[in-house]
Protein backbone atom coordinates (compact mmCIF):
# COMPACT_ATOMS: atom_id res chain seq x y z
CA MET A 1 -126.04 -10.21 191.52
CA SER A 2 -124.69 -6.71 191.65
CA ASP A 3 -125.34 -4.44 194.57
CA LEU A 4 -127.37 -1.32 194.13
CA THR A 5 -128.26 1.80 195.96
CA PRO A 6 -131.82 2.10 197.25
CA LYS A 7 -132.39 5.06 194.90
CA ALA A 8 -131.57 3.07 191.76
CA ASP A 9 -134.26 3.00 189.09
CA PRO A 10 -135.85 -0.46 189.37
CA ALA A 11 -136.30 -0.77 185.58
CA ALA A 12 -132.61 -0.03 184.98
CA GLN A 13 -131.63 -2.39 187.76
CA VAL A 14 -133.73 -5.25 186.37
CA PHE A 15 -132.20 -4.66 182.93
CA ALA A 16 -128.70 -4.79 184.45
CA TRP A 17 -129.48 -7.96 186.41
CA ILE A 18 -130.80 -9.72 183.31
CA VAL A 19 -127.74 -8.63 181.34
CA GLU A 20 -125.66 -9.99 184.21
CA GLY A 21 -127.32 -13.34 183.71
CA CYS A 22 -129.36 -13.45 186.91
CA ARG A 23 -132.25 -15.88 187.13
CA GLN A 24 -135.81 -14.62 187.33
CA ASP A 25 -136.37 -15.92 190.86
CA ASP A 26 -133.20 -14.15 192.06
CA ILE A 27 -134.38 -10.92 190.44
CA GLU A 28 -137.80 -11.26 192.06
CA ASP A 29 -136.19 -11.87 195.46
CA ALA A 30 -133.89 -8.86 195.07
CA LEU A 31 -136.76 -6.62 194.01
CA ALA A 32 -138.73 -7.74 197.08
CA LEU A 33 -135.73 -6.87 199.24
CA TYR A 34 -134.74 -3.54 197.69
CA TYR A 35 -138.17 -2.37 196.49
CA PRO A 36 -140.68 -3.80 198.96
CA ASP A 37 -143.46 -1.48 197.73
CA LEU A 38 -143.54 -3.07 194.27
CA LYS A 39 -146.52 -5.31 193.64
CA LYS A 40 -146.12 -8.71 191.98
CA ARG A 41 -147.63 -7.45 188.71
CA GLN A 42 -145.18 -4.52 188.69
CA VAL A 43 -142.25 -6.91 189.18
CA THR A 44 -143.52 -9.10 186.35
CA LYS A 45 -143.91 -6.05 184.12
CA LEU A 46 -140.38 -4.80 184.86
CA ILE A 47 -138.87 -8.19 184.00
CA LYS A 48 -140.99 -8.53 180.85
CA GLU A 49 -140.05 -5.03 179.63
CA ALA A 50 -136.34 -5.63 180.24
CA ARG A 51 -136.44 -8.89 178.31
CA HIS A 52 -138.32 -7.18 175.49
CA THR A 53 -135.64 -4.48 175.35
CA ILE A 54 -132.91 -7.09 175.12
CA ALA A 55 -134.81 -8.89 172.35
CA GLU A 56 -135.14 -5.61 170.44
CA LEU A 57 -131.42 -5.07 170.74
CA ALA A 58 -130.71 -8.51 169.40
CA ALA A 59 -133.07 -7.86 166.48
CA ALA A 60 -131.40 -4.50 165.78
CA GLY A 61 -128.51 -6.21 164.10
CA PRO A 62 -125.26 -8.00 164.76
CA ASP A 63 -123.24 -4.84 165.39
CA LYS A 64 -125.39 -3.69 168.29
CA ALA A 65 -125.72 -7.23 169.60
CA TRP A 66 -121.94 -7.66 169.51
CA CYS A 67 -121.39 -4.36 171.34
CA LEU A 68 -123.92 -5.32 173.99
CA ALA A 69 -122.24 -8.71 174.46
CA ALA A 70 -118.84 -7.02 174.72
CA TYR A 71 -120.04 -4.64 177.42
CA GLN A 72 -121.64 -7.58 179.25
CA GLU A 73 -118.27 -9.33 179.25
CA VAL A 74 -116.50 -6.18 180.48
CA TYR A 75 -119.06 -5.94 183.26
CA ARG A 76 -118.64 -9.60 184.24
CA ARG A 77 -114.87 -9.37 184.35
CA ALA A 78 -114.95 -6.08 186.26
CA ILE A 79 -117.19 -7.61 188.93
CA GLU A 80 -114.96 -10.68 189.19
CA SER A 81 -111.85 -8.53 189.64
CA GLY A 82 -113.46 -6.06 192.04
CA GLU A 83 -113.21 -3.12 189.62
CA LEU A 84 -116.54 -1.62 190.61
CA GLY A 85 -115.94 1.67 188.81
CA VAL A 86 -115.39 -0.17 185.55
CA ALA A 87 -118.52 -2.25 186.20
CA VAL A 88 -120.62 0.88 186.74
CA ARG A 89 -119.28 2.42 183.53
CA ALA A 90 -120.08 -0.80 181.65
CA ILE A 91 -123.66 -0.69 182.95
CA THR A 92 -123.91 2.93 181.84
CA HIS A 93 -122.88 1.90 178.33
CA ILE A 94 -125.19 -1.12 178.36
CA GLN A 95 -128.13 1.08 179.27
CA LYS A 96 -127.45 3.28 176.24
CA PHE A 97 -128.56 0.32 174.12
CA ARG A 98 -132.04 0.51 175.59
CA PRO A 99 -134.53 2.03 173.17
CA PRO A 100 -136.19 5.25 174.33
CA ARG A 101 -139.50 4.84 176.12
């Protein structure tokens, strides 16, 4: 699970953690640690919205889905190799796939 700064947007962070492949219970634990003011229903809503966004991306077509998967792989490899700057840039690109709210 990637580190974050306390000022990170929790919705963006949940999206990134799901893209990273984190399990729901790990995400819930991290949210409790980094965002202790969030209520259980808010945590559930954040996770549900992030999953919905990912499903919309997958339904948007194979090109977007492939690009998202490629950025996920770049992110994973960057984290493994300690290239945190590359990982942050990958997350920035991954978040561009999110539909506007």
